[in-house]
Amino acid sequence: MRLHYHPQSRCSQRVLMTARHLGTELELVPVDLFKGEQRSPAFLALNPNHAVPVLEDGGFVLWESFAIMQYLAGKVPGQSLHPADPRARADVDRWLFWCAQHLAPAIAILNWENSIKPLIGAGPADPAEVAEGEALVGEYGAVLDAHLAGREWICGLAVTLADIAIAAPLADTDRARLPVKALPNLQAWFARVRALDCWGGE
């Protein structure tokens, strides 16, 4: 299987973490986002959304990081990252959708304003955007922090795709100045994720 990715993409990171956890070998194909390679005709033929990661498995092409994570897990018999039990799987999926719909877009605001704009010379951070991002990350971070009270992992006693998916964008806490450092349950959980052999988010 071949993965088109960028090493600084947190969406790529969550897929790489999943593959490492499962012991799945991937052929890595770097896509230079800063040079605009994601908008080349060859790449757009793989993903018209001009975004990484993209997985190729034979003639099957799959984009969207959460879908790729689920696909990789589904190819490994007996894995526990994406449980077979319907309720356990629905719980994991619930947190994947929550991340995609709420937490990740909120983090993206602060990542763009505080980290990416200075990196590419796109001007200073917009105070209004920063305020909105901080409010949203604070709100959703508190939801996760409350859920993690008394829990080692998001969906029970073992690591799942939910932990990997949600931890990846939190790797930008310092650069994006995410307001989550005062959330003790979240921080304890995040330390556990960073201690996993599959972690590669710094």
N, C-alpha and C. Protein backbone atom coordinates (compact mmCIF):
# COMPACT_ATOMS: atom_id res chain seq x y z
N MET A 1 0.84 -1.20 0.00
CA MET A 1 0.00 0.00 0.00
C MET A 1 0.88 1.24 0.00
N ARG A 2 0.40 2.26 -0.65
CA ARG A 2 1.16 3.50 -0.81
C ARG A 2 0.38 4.65 -0.16
N LEU A 3 1.09 5.46 0.65
CA LEU A 3 0.46 6.61 1.30
C LEU A 3 1.12 7.89 0.82
N HIS A 4 0.32 8.76 0.22
CA HIS A 4 0.76 10.11 -0.14
C HIS A 4 0.51 10.98 1.09
N TYR A 5 1.56 11.65 1.57
CA TYR A 5 1.46 12.32 2.87
C TYR A 5 2.40 13.52 2.92
N HIS A 6 2.26 14.29 4.00
CA HIS A 6 3.22 15.34 4.32
C HIS A 6 3.62 15.15 5.78
N PRO A 7 4.92 15.23 6.09
CA PRO A 7 5.36 14.93 7.46
C PRO A 7 4.83 15.89 8.52
N GLN A 8 4.41 17.09 8.15
CA GLN A 8 3.87 18.03 9.13
C GLN A 8 2.35 18.03 9.17
N SER A 9 1.73 17.20 8.36
CA SER A 9 0.28 17.10 8.34
C SER A 9 -0.19 16.19 9.48
N ARG A 10 -1.04 16.72 10.35
CA ARG A 10 -1.54 15.91 11.45
C ARG A 10 -2.53 14.86 10.95
N CYS A 11 -3.19 15.13 9.85
CA CYS A 11 -4.05 14.11 9.25
C CYS A 11 -3.20 12.95 8.76
N SER A 12 -2.05 13.26 8.16
CA SER A 12 -1.12 12.21 7.76
C SER A 12 -0.60 11.48 8.99
N GLN A 13 -0.31 12.24 10.04
CA GLN A 13 0.27 11.64 11.24
C GLN A 13 -0.65 10.58 11.84
N ARG A 14 -1.96 10.88 11.90
CA ARG A 14 -2.85 9.90 12.53
C ARG A 14 -2.91 8.60 11.72
N VAL A 15 -2.78 8.71 10.40
CA VAL A 15 -2.76 7.50 9.58
C VAL A 15 -1.45 6.73 9.80
N LEU A 16 -0.34 7.44 9.88
CA LEU A 16 0.94 6.78 10.12
C LEU A 16 0.96 6.11 11.49
N MET A 17 0.39 6.76 12.49
CA MET A 17 0.32 6.16 13.82
C MET A 17 -0.51 4.88 13.79
N THR A 18 -1.61 4.92 13.08
CA THR A 18 -2.47 3.74 12.96
C THR A 18 -1.70 2.59 12.31
N ALA A 19 -1.01 2.89 11.22
CA ALA A 19 -0.25 1.85 10.52
C ALA A 19 0.84 1.27 11.43
N ARG A 20 1.55 2.14 12.14
CA ARG A 20 2.60 1.65 13.03
C ARG A 20 2.02 0.78 14.13
N HIS A 21 0.90 1.20 14.71
CA HIS A 21 0.27 0.42 15.77
C HIS A 21 -0.16 -0.96 15.27
N LEU A 22 -0.64 -1.02 14.05
CA LEU A 22 -1.11 -2.27 13.47
C LEU A 22 0.02 -3.12 12.89
N GLY A 23 1.21 -2.53 12.76
CA GLY A 23 2.30 -3.24 12.11
C GLY A 23 2.14 -3.34 10.61
N THR A 24 1.45 -2.37 10.04
CA THR A 24 1.19 -2.34 8.59
C THR A 24 2.27 -1.55 7.87
N GLU A 25 2.88 -2.16 6.87
CA GLU A 25 3.91 -1.47 6.09
C GLU A 25 3.27 -0.60 5.01
N LEU A 26 3.73 0.64 4.91
CA LEU A 26 3.25 1.55 3.89
C LEU A 26 4.43 2.11 3.10
N GLU A 27 4.26 2.19 1.79
CA GLU A 27 5.22 2.91 0.97
C GLU A 27 4.85 4.40 1.05
N LEU A 28 5.77 5.22 1.52
CA LEU A 28 5.47 6.63 1.76
C LEU A 28 5.89 7.48 0.56
N VAL A 29 4.94 8.30 0.10
CA VAL A 29 5.18 9.20 -1.02
C VAL A 29 4.98 10.63 -0.53
N PRO A 30 6.06 11.38 -0.29
CA PRO A 30 5.91 12.75 0.21
C PRO A 30 5.24 13.65 -0.83
N VAL A 31 4.38 14.53 -0.33
CA VAL A 31 3.74 15.56 -1.15
C VAL A 31 4.12 16.90 -0.54
N ASP A 32 4.84 17.73 -1.27
CA ASP A 32 5.30 19.01 -0.75
C ASP A 32 4.17 20.04 -0.84
N LEU A 33 3.49 20.22 0.29
CA LEU A 33 2.35 21.15 0.32
C LEU A 33 2.81 22.59 0.12
N PHE A 34 4.01 22.91 0.57
CA PHE A 34 4.49 24.29 0.46
C PHE A 34 4.85 24.65 -0.97
N LYS A 35 5.13 23.65 -1.78
CA LYS A 35 5.40 23.90 -3.20
C LYS A 35 4.15 23.71 -4.05
N GLY A 36 3.03 23.36 -3.42
CA GLY A 36 1.77 23.23 -4.13
C GLY A 36 1.61 21.93 -4.90
N GLU A 37 2.38 20.90 -4.53
CA GLU A 37 2.28 19.63 -5.27
C GLU A 37 0.90 18.99 -5.14
N GLN A 38 0.16 19.36 -4.09
CA GLN A 38 -1.18 18.81 -3.91
C GLN A 38 -2.17 19.34 -4.94
N ARG A 39 -1.76 20.34 -5.72
CA ARG A 39 -2.63 20.90 -6.76
C ARG A 39 -2.15 20.50 -8.16
N SER A 40 -1.20 19.61 -8.23
CA SER A 40 -0.73 19.15 -9.55
C SER A 40 -1.81 18.25 -10.17
N PRO A 41 -1.87 18.19 -11.49
CA PRO A 41 -2.87 17.32 -12.13
C PRO A 41 -2.76 15.86 -11.67
N ALA A 42 -1.54 15.38 -11.47
CA ALA A 42 -1.37 13.99 -11.07
C ALA A 42 -1.97 13.74 -9.69
N PHE A 43 -1.75 14.69 -8.77
CA PHE A 43 -2.31 14.49 -7.43
C PHE A 43 -3.82 14.70 -7.42
N LEU A 44 -4.30 15.68 -8.15
CA LEU A 44 -5.74 15.93 -8.19
C LEU A 44 -6.51 14.75 -8.78
N ALA A 45 -5.83 13.96 -9.60
CA ALA A 45 -6.47 12.76 -10.12
C ALA A 45 -6.70 11.73 -9.01
N LEU A 46 -5.88 11.81 -7.96
CA LEU A 46 -6.06 10.94 -6.80
C LEU A 46 -7.06 11.53 -5.81
N ASN A 47 -6.94 12.82 -5.54
CA ASN A 47 -7.82 13.49 -4.58
C ASN A 47 -8.18 14.88 -5.09
N PRO A 48 -9.39 15.06 -5.60
CA PRO A 48 -9.79 16.37 -6.12
C PRO A 48 -9.91 17.43 -5.04
N ASN A 49 -9.83 17.01 -3.77
CA ASN A 49 -9.87 17.97 -2.66
C ASN A 49 -8.50 18.56 -2.35
N HIS A 50 -7.49 18.20 -3.13
CA HIS A 50 -6.10 18.67 -2.99
C HIS A 50 -5.62 18.66 -1.53
N ALA A 51 -5.76 17.50 -0.90
CA ALA A 51 -5.34 17.37 0.50
C ALA A 51 -4.72 16.00 0.73
N VAL A 52 -3.79 15.94 1.67
CA VAL A 52 -3.23 14.67 2.12
C VAL A 52 -3.87 14.30 3.45
N PRO A 53 -3.86 12.99 3.75
CA PRO A 53 -3.23 11.88 3.05
C PRO A 53 -4.16 11.24 2.02
N VAL A 54 -3.54 10.46 1.14
CA VAL A 54 -4.28 9.63 0.19
C VAL A 54 -3.63 8.25 0.20
N LEU A 55 -4.46 7.22 0.31
CA LEU A 55 -3.97 5.84 0.31
C LEU A 55 -4.28 5.19 -1.02
N GLU A 56 -3.31 4.48 -1.58
CA GLU A 56 -3.52 3.64 -2.76
C GLU A 56 -3.28 2.19 -2.36
N ASP A 57 -4.25 1.35 -2.63
CA ASP A 57 -4.12 -0.08 -2.35
C ASP A 57 -4.55 -0.83 -3.60
N GLY A 58 -3.58 -1.19 -4.42
CA GLY A 58 -3.91 -1.74 -5.73
C GLY A 58 -4.58 -0.67 -6.56
N GLY A 59 -5.75 -0.94 -7.07
CA GLY A 59 -6.49 0.06 -7.84
C GLY A 59 -7.43 0.89 -7.00
N PHE A 60 -7.43 0.67 -5.68
CA PHE A 60 -8.35 1.38 -4.78
C PHE A 60 -7.67 2.62 -4.24
N VAL A 61 -8.31 3.78 -4.39
CA VAL A 61 -7.78 5.05 -3.90
C VAL A 61 -8.73 5.58 -2.84
N LEU A 62 -8.16 5.92 -1.69
CA LEU A 62 -8.98 6.36 -0.56
C LEU A 62 -8.39 7.62 0.05
N TRP A 63 -9.23 8.66 0.16
CA TRP A 63 -8.81 9.86 0.89
C TRP A 63 -9.72 10.07 2.08
N GLU A 64 -9.36 11.02 2.93
CA GLU A 64 -9.92 11.30 4.25
C GLU A 64 -9.25 10.40 5.30
N SER A 65 -8.55 11.05 6.21
CA SER A 65 -7.70 10.32 7.16
C SER A 65 -8.48 9.34 8.02
N PHE A 66 -9.68 9.72 8.49
CA PHE A 66 -10.43 8.81 9.34
C PHE A 66 -10.87 7.57 8.58
N ALA A 67 -11.26 7.75 7.31
CA ALA A 67 -11.63 6.60 6.49
C ALA A 67 -10.43 5.69 6.25
N ILE A 68 -9.27 6.29 6.04
CA ILE A 68 -8.06 5.48 5.84
C ILE A 68 -7.72 4.71 7.10
N MET A 69 -7.84 5.35 8.26
CA MET A 69 -7.59 4.66 9.53
C MET A 69 -8.51 3.45 9.69
N GLN A 70 -9.77 3.64 9.40
CA GLN A 70 -10.73 2.55 9.53
C GLN A 70 -10.42 1.43 8.54
N TYR A 71 -10.03 1.80 7.34
CA TYR A 71 -9.70 0.81 6.32
C TYR A 71 -8.49 -0.02 6.73
N LEU A 72 -7.45 0.65 7.22
CA LEU A 72 -6.25 -0.07 7.66
C LEU A 72 -6.57 -1.02 8.80
N ALA A 73 -7.38 -0.55 9.75
CA ALA A 73 -7.75 -1.42 10.86
C ALA A 73 -8.55 -2.62 10.37
N GLY A 74 -9.45 -2.39 9.42
CA GLY A 74 -10.29 -3.46 8.92
C GLY A 74 -9.53 -4.55 8.19
N LYS A 75 -8.31 -4.25 7.75
CA LYS A 75 -7.51 -5.24 7.03
C LYS A 75 -6.69 -6.14 7.97
N VAL A 76 -6.76 -5.87 9.27
CA VAL A 76 -5.96 -6.65 10.24
C VAL A 76 -6.89 -7.45 11.13
N PRO A 77 -6.97 -8.75 10.95
CA PRO A 77 -7.86 -9.58 11.77
C PRO A 77 -7.49 -9.51 13.26
N GLY A 78 -8.52 -9.39 14.09
CA GLY A 78 -8.30 -9.42 15.53
C GLY A 78 -7.82 -8.13 16.15
N GLN A 79 -7.67 -7.07 15.35
CA GLN A 79 -7.21 -5.79 15.91
C GLN A 79 -8.27 -5.20 16.84
N SER A 80 -7.85 -4.31 17.73
CA SER A 80 -8.78 -3.70 18.70
C SER A 80 -8.91 -2.20 18.54
N LEU A 81 -8.21 -1.62 17.57
CA LEU A 81 -8.30 -0.17 17.39
C LEU A 81 -9.69 0.26 16.96
N HIS A 82 -10.35 -0.58 16.16
CA HIS A 82 -11.71 -0.30 15.68
C HIS A 82 -12.54 -1.55 15.97
N PRO A 83 -13.13 -1.63 17.15
CA PRO A 83 -13.72 -2.89 17.62
C PRO A 83 -14.82 -3.43 16.71
N ALA A 84 -14.98 -4.75 16.76
CA ALA A 84 -16.02 -5.39 15.97
C ALA A 84 -17.40 -5.27 16.59
N ASP A 85 -17.45 -5.22 17.93
CA ASP A 85 -18.74 -5.09 18.61
C ASP A 85 -19.44 -3.80 18.17
N PRO A 86 -20.71 -3.86 17.78
CA PRO A 86 -21.38 -2.68 17.23
C PRO A 86 -21.38 -1.47 18.17
N ARG A 87 -21.63 -1.69 19.45
CA ARG A 87 -21.68 -0.55 20.37
C ARG A 87 -20.28 0.03 20.61
N ALA A 88 -19.31 -0.86 20.77
CA ALA A 88 -17.94 -0.37 20.98
C ALA A 88 -17.45 0.39 19.74
N ARG A 89 -17.77 -0.12 18.56
CA ARG A 89 -17.36 0.56 17.33
C ARG A 89 -18.08 1.89 17.18
N ALA A 90 -19.36 1.92 17.52
CA ALA A 90 -20.11 3.18 17.43
C ALA A 90 -19.54 4.23 18.37
N ASP A 91 -19.07 3.79 19.54
CA ASP A 91 -18.47 4.73 20.48
C ASP A 91 -17.19 5.33 19.89
N VAL A 92 -16.35 4.48 19.29
CA VAL A 92 -15.15 4.99 18.65
C VAL A 92 -15.52 5.94 17.52
N ASP A 93 -16.48 5.54 16.68
CA ASP A 93 -16.88 6.38 15.55
C ASP A 93 -17.44 7.71 16.02
N ARG A 94 -18.19 7.67 17.13
CA ARG A 94 -18.74 8.92 17.68
C ARG A 94 -17.62 9.93 17.93
N TRP A 95 -16.50 9.48 18.53
CA TRP A 95 -15.40 10.39 18.83
C TRP A 95 -14.63 10.79 17.59
N LEU A 96 -14.56 9.91 16.61
CA LEU A 96 -13.95 10.31 15.33
C LEU A 96 -14.75 11.43 14.68
N PHE A 97 -16.07 11.28 14.65
CA PHE A 97 -16.92 12.31 14.04
C PHE A 97 -16.87 13.60 14.86
N TRP A 98 -16.81 13.47 16.17
CA TRP A 98 -16.71 14.65 17.05
C TRP A 98 -15.42 15.41 16.76
N CYS A 99 -14.35 14.66 16.60
CA CYS A 99 -13.07 15.30 16.28
C CYS A 99 -13.15 16.02 14.94
N ALA A 100 -13.69 15.34 13.93
CA ALA A 100 -13.77 15.93 12.59
C ALA A 100 -14.69 17.14 12.54
N GLN A 101 -15.77 17.09 13.30
CA GLN A 101 -16.78 18.15 13.23
C GLN A 101 -16.49 19.32 14.16
N HIS A 102 -15.88 19.03 15.31
CA HIS A 102 -15.75 20.07 16.35
C HIS A 102 -14.30 20.41 16.69
N LEU A 103 -13.57 19.44 17.25
CA LEU A 103 -12.25 19.77 17.78
C LEU A 103 -11.25 20.15 16.69
N ALA A 104 -11.12 19.32 15.66
CA ALA A 104 -10.10 19.58 14.64
C ALA A 104 -10.32 20.92 13.92
N PRO A 105 -11.56 21.29 13.52
CA PRO A 105 -11.73 22.61 12.90
C PRO A 105 -11.38 23.77 13.84
N ALA A 106 -11.67 23.58 15.13
CA ALA A 106 -11.33 24.63 16.10
C ALA A 106 -9.81 24.78 16.21
N ILE A 107 -9.12 23.63 16.31
CA ILE A 107 -7.66 23.67 16.37
C ILE A 107 -7.08 24.28 15.10
N ALA A 108 -7.70 23.99 13.96
CA ALA A 108 -7.19 24.49 12.69
C ALA A 108 -7.16 26.02 12.65
N ILE A 109 -8.12 26.65 13.31
CA ILE A 109 -8.13 28.13 13.35
C ILE A 109 -6.85 28.64 14.00
N LEU A 110 -6.53 28.10 15.17
CA LEU A 110 -5.35 28.57 15.90
C LEU A 110 -4.06 28.10 15.23
N ASN A 111 -4.09 26.95 14.63
CA ASN A 111 -2.91 26.47 13.93
C ASN A 111 -2.58 27.40 12.75
N TRP A 112 -3.60 27.81 12.04
CA TRP A 112 -3.40 28.73 10.91
C TRP A 112 -2.91 30.09 11.40
N GLU A 113 -3.58 30.65 12.38
CA GLU A 113 -3.26 32.00 12.82
C GLU A 113 -1.91 32.09 13.54
N ASN A 114 -1.63 31.12 14.41
CA ASN A 114 -0.45 31.22 15.28
C ASN A 114 0.77 30.47 14.78
N SER A 115 0.56 29.52 13.88
CA SER A 115 1.69 28.69 13.44
C SER A 115 1.96 28.81 11.95
N ILE A 116 0.95 28.57 11.13
CA ILE A 116 1.20 28.50 9.68
C ILE A 116 1.42 29.88 9.07
N LYS A 117 0.60 30.87 9.44
CA LYS A 117 0.77 32.21 8.85
C LYS A 117 2.17 32.77 9.06
N PRO A 118 2.73 32.69 10.27
CA PRO A 118 4.12 33.16 10.42
C PRO A 118 5.11 32.33 9.60
N LEU A 119 4.84 31.04 9.47
CA LEU A 119 5.75 30.16 8.74
C LEU A 119 5.82 30.51 7.26
N ILE A 120 4.69 30.88 6.68
CA ILE A 120 4.66 31.15 5.23
C ILE A 120 4.65 32.65 4.92
N GLY A 121 4.77 33.48 5.95
CA GLY A 121 4.80 34.92 5.73
C GLY A 121 3.48 35.50 5.29
N ALA A 122 2.37 34.99 5.87
CA ALA A 122 1.03 35.44 5.49
C ALA A 122 0.49 36.54 6.40
N GLY A 123 1.38 37.21 7.12
CA GLY A 123 0.95 38.32 7.95
C GLY A 123 0.69 37.90 9.38
N PRO A 124 0.34 38.88 10.23
CA PRO A 124 0.12 38.60 11.65
C PRO A 124 -1.20 37.88 11.89
N ALA A 125 -1.29 37.28 13.07
CA ALA A 125 -2.52 36.60 13.46
C ALA A 125 -3.66 37.61 13.57
N ASP A 126 -4.85 37.20 13.18
CA ASP A 126 -6.06 38.02 13.27
C ASP A 126 -6.63 37.84 14.68
N PRO A 127 -6.65 38.90 15.49
CA PRO A 127 -7.12 38.76 16.88
C PRO A 127 -8.52 38.20 17.00
N ALA A 128 -9.41 38.55 16.09
CA ALA A 128 -10.78 38.04 16.15
C ALA A 128 -10.80 36.54 15.89
N GLU A 129 -10.02 36.09 14.91
CA GLU A 129 -9.94 34.67 14.62
C GLU A 129 -9.32 33.91 15.78
N VAL A 130 -8.28 34.47 16.36
CA VAL A 130 -7.63 33.83 17.51
C VAL A 130 -8.61 33.70 18.67
N ALA A 131 -9.38 34.75 18.93
CA ALA A 131 -10.35 34.71 20.02
C ALA A 131 -11.40 33.63 19.78
N GLU A 132 -11.87 33.54 18.53
CA GLU A 132 -12.86 32.50 18.21
C GLU A 132 -12.26 31.12 18.37
N GLY A 133 -11.05 30.92 17.86
CA GLY A 133 -10.40 29.63 17.98
C GLY A 133 -10.16 29.24 19.42
N GLU A 134 -9.73 30.18 20.23
CA GLU A 134 -9.48 29.88 21.64
C GLU A 134 -10.77 29.50 22.36
N ALA A 135 -11.86 30.19 22.03
CA ALA A 135 -13.14 29.87 22.67
C ALA A 135 -13.60 28.47 22.29
N LEU A 136 -13.47 28.12 21.01
CA LEU A 136 -13.92 26.81 20.55
C LEU A 136 -13.05 25.68 21.09
N VAL A 137 -11.73 25.87 21.03
CA VAL A 137 -10.84 24.83 21.56
C VAL A 137 -11.05 24.68 23.06
N GLY A 138 -11.25 25.80 23.75
CA GLY A 138 -11.52 25.71 25.18
C GLY A 138 -12.80 24.95 25.48
N GLU A 139 -13.83 25.21 24.68
CA GLU A 139 -15.11 24.52 24.88
C GLU A 139 -14.98 23.02 24.65
N TYR A 140 -14.41 22.65 23.50
CA TYR A 140 -14.34 21.22 23.17
C TYR A 140 -13.26 20.51 23.97
N GLY A 141 -12.20 21.22 24.32
CA GLY A 141 -11.20 20.63 25.19
C GLY A 141 -11.78 20.28 26.54
N ALA A 142 -12.67 21.14 27.05
CA ALA A 142 -13.33 20.86 28.33
C ALA A 142 -14.24 19.65 28.24
N VAL A 143 -14.89 19.45 27.08
CA VAL A 143 -15.73 18.27 26.88
C VAL A 143 -14.89 17.00 26.99
N LEU A 144 -13.75 17.00 26.32
CA LEU A 144 -12.87 15.83 26.36
C LEU A 144 -12.28 15.63 27.75
N ASP A 145 -11.90 16.72 28.39
CA ASP A 145 -11.32 16.62 29.73
C ASP A 145 -12.32 16.01 30.71
N ALA A 146 -13.56 16.42 30.64
CA ALA A 146 -14.59 15.88 31.53
C ALA A 146 -14.83 14.40 31.24
N HIS A 147 -14.84 14.05 29.96
CA HIS A 147 -15.06 12.65 29.58
C HIS A 147 -13.94 11.75 30.09
N LEU A 148 -12.72 12.27 30.13
CA LEU A 148 -11.55 11.47 30.51
C LEU A 148 -11.39 11.31 32.02
N ALA A 149 -12.21 11.97 32.78
CA ALA A 149 -12.12 11.81 34.24
C ALA A 149 -12.34 10.35 34.62
N GLY A 150 -11.35 9.75 35.25
CA GLY A 150 -11.46 8.35 35.65
C GLY A 150 -11.25 7.36 34.53
N ARG A 151 -10.85 7.82 33.34
CA ARG A 151 -10.63 6.93 32.20
C ARG A 151 -9.17 7.01 31.76
N GLU A 152 -8.63 5.86 31.37
CA GLU A 152 -7.27 5.85 30.84
C GLU A 152 -7.26 6.20 29.36
N TRP A 153 -8.25 5.68 28.63
CA TRP A 153 -8.37 5.91 27.20
C TRP A 153 -9.78 6.40 26.89
N ILE A 154 -9.98 6.99 25.73
CA ILE A 154 -11.25 7.65 25.42
C ILE A 154 -12.42 6.67 25.40
N CYS A 155 -12.20 5.48 24.84
CA CYS A 155 -13.31 4.54 24.65
C CYS A 155 -13.16 3.26 25.47
N GLY A 156 -12.54 3.35 26.63
CA GLY A 156 -12.48 2.16 27.47
C GLY A 156 -11.09 1.84 27.96
N LEU A 157 -10.77 0.55 27.99
CA LEU A 157 -9.55 0.09 28.62
C LEU A 157 -8.37 -0.04 27.66
N ALA A 158 -8.61 0.18 26.39
CA ALA A 158 -7.54 0.01 25.40
C ALA A 158 -7.51 1.19 24.43
N VAL A 159 -6.37 1.38 23.81
CA VAL A 159 -6.22 2.41 22.79
C VAL A 159 -7.10 2.07 21.59
N THR A 160 -7.75 3.08 21.03
CA THR A 160 -8.55 2.91 19.83
C THR A 160 -8.21 4.00 18.82
N LEU A 161 -8.85 3.93 17.67
CA LEU A 161 -8.68 4.98 16.67
C LEU A 161 -9.04 6.35 17.23
N ALA A 162 -9.95 6.39 18.18
CA ALA A 162 -10.36 7.68 18.76
C ALA A 162 -9.18 8.37 19.42
N ASP A 163 -8.38 7.63 20.18
CA ASP A 163 -7.22 8.23 20.85
C ASP A 163 -6.21 8.75 19.84
N ILE A 164 -5.94 7.94 18.82
CA ILE A 164 -4.96 8.33 17.81
C ILE A 164 -5.45 9.55 17.03
N ALA A 165 -6.70 9.53 16.63
CA ALA A 165 -7.25 10.61 15.81
C ALA A 165 -7.23 11.94 16.55
N ILE A 166 -7.63 11.92 17.80
CA ILE A 166 -7.76 13.17 18.56
C ILE A 166 -6.40 13.68 19.04
N ALA A 167 -5.48 12.76 19.34
CA ALA A 167 -4.18 13.20 19.84
C ALA A 167 -3.35 13.89 18.76
N ALA A 168 -3.50 13.47 17.50
CA ALA A 168 -2.64 14.00 16.44
C ALA A 168 -2.65 15.53 16.36
N PRO A 169 -3.81 16.18 16.25
CA PRO A 169 -3.77 17.65 16.15
C PRO A 169 -3.33 18.33 17.44
N LEU A 170 -3.45 17.64 18.58
CA LEU A 170 -3.00 18.22 19.84
C LEU A 170 -1.48 18.30 19.92
N ALA A 171 -0.79 17.63 19.00
CA ALA A 171 0.67 17.76 18.94
C ALA A 171 1.09 19.19 18.63
N ASP A 172 0.18 19.99 18.11
CA ASP A 172 0.48 21.39 17.79
C ASP A 172 0.17 22.33 18.96
N THR A 173 0.01 21.81 20.16
CA THR A 173 -0.39 22.64 21.29
C THR A 173 0.51 23.84 21.48
N ASP A 174 1.83 23.65 21.44
CA ASP A 174 2.74 24.77 21.69
C ASP A 174 2.76 25.74 20.51
N ARG A 175 2.95 25.22 19.30
CA ARG A 175 3.06 26.10 18.13
C ARG A 175 1.77 26.85 17.86
N ALA A 176 0.64 26.19 18.04
CA ALA A 176 -0.65 26.83 17.77
C ALA A 176 -1.22 27.55 18.99
N ARG A 177 -0.55 27.39 20.13
CA ARG A 177 -0.98 28.02 21.39
C ARG A 177 -2.40 27.61 21.75
N LEU A 178 -2.60 26.31 21.82
CA LEU A 178 -3.92 25.78 22.15
C LEU A 178 -4.17 25.91 23.66
N PRO A 179 -5.33 26.40 24.06
CA PRO A 179 -5.62 26.61 25.48
C PRO A 179 -6.10 25.33 26.17
N VAL A 180 -5.20 24.33 26.24
CA VAL A 180 -5.58 23.04 26.83
C VAL A 180 -4.64 22.61 27.95
N LYS A 181 -3.63 23.40 28.25
CA LYS A 181 -2.62 22.96 29.20
C LYS A 181 -3.14 22.90 30.63
N ALA A 182 -4.24 23.58 30.92
CA ALA A 182 -4.79 23.57 32.28
C ALA A 182 -5.86 22.50 32.46
N LEU A 183 -5.98 21.59 31.49
CA LEU A 183 -6.98 20.52 31.56
C LEU A 183 -6.28 19.24 32.01
N PRO A 184 -6.37 18.89 33.29
CA PRO A 184 -5.52 17.81 33.83
C PRO A 184 -5.80 16.43 33.26
N ASN A 185 -7.06 16.08 33.05
CA ASN A 185 -7.38 14.76 32.52
C ASN A 185 -6.91 14.62 31.08
N LEU A 186 -7.13 15.67 30.30
CA LEU A 186 -6.67 15.67 28.92
C LEU A 186 -5.15 15.55 28.87
N GLN A 187 -4.45 16.29 29.71
CA GLN A 187 -2.99 16.27 29.67
C GLN A 187 -2.44 14.91 30.09
N ALA A 188 -3.06 14.28 31.08
CA ALA A 188 -2.60 12.96 31.52
C ALA A 188 -2.82 11.93 30.41
N TRP A 189 -3.97 12.00 29.76
CA TRP A 189 -4.25 11.10 28.64
C TRP A 189 -3.28 11.35 27.49
N PHE A 190 -3.04 12.61 27.17
CA PHE A 190 -2.16 12.95 26.07
C PHE A 190 -0.75 12.43 26.33
N ALA A 191 -0.30 12.48 27.57
CA ALA A 191 1.01 11.92 27.92
C ALA A 191 1.04 10.41 27.68
N ARG A 192 -0.06 9.73 27.96
CA ARG A 192 -0.12 8.29 27.70
C ARG A 192 -0.04 8.00 26.21
N VAL A 193 -0.72 8.81 25.41
CA VAL A 193 -0.66 8.61 23.96
C VAL A 193 0.76 8.85 23.45
N ARG A 194 1.40 9.90 23.94
CA ARG A 194 2.77 10.21 23.50
C ARG A 194 3.76 9.12 23.91
N ALA A 195 3.42 8.33 24.91
CA ALA A 195 4.30 7.25 25.35
C ALA A 195 4.14 5.98 24.51
N LEU A 196 3.13 5.94 23.63
CA LEU A 196 2.92 4.77 22.79
C LEU A 196 4.05 4.64 21.76
N ASP A 197 4.37 3.41 21.40
CA ASP A 197 5.42 3.17 20.41
C ASP A 197 5.07 3.79 19.05
N CYS A 198 3.80 3.92 18.75
CA CYS A 198 3.39 4.43 17.44
C CYS A 198 3.44 5.94 17.35
N TRP A 199 3.67 6.63 18.47
CA TRP A 199 3.63 8.09 18.46
C TRP A 199 4.79 8.65 17.66
N GLY A 200 4.50 9.67 16.88
CA GLY A 200 5.55 10.35 16.15
C GLY A 200 5.14 11.77 15.88
N GLY A 201 4.59 12.44 16.90
CA GLY A 201 3.94 13.72 16.66
C GLY A 201 4.69 14.95 17.07
N GLU A 202 5.93 14.82 17.51
CA GLU A 202 6.63 16.03 17.96
C GLU A 202 7.38 16.67 16.81
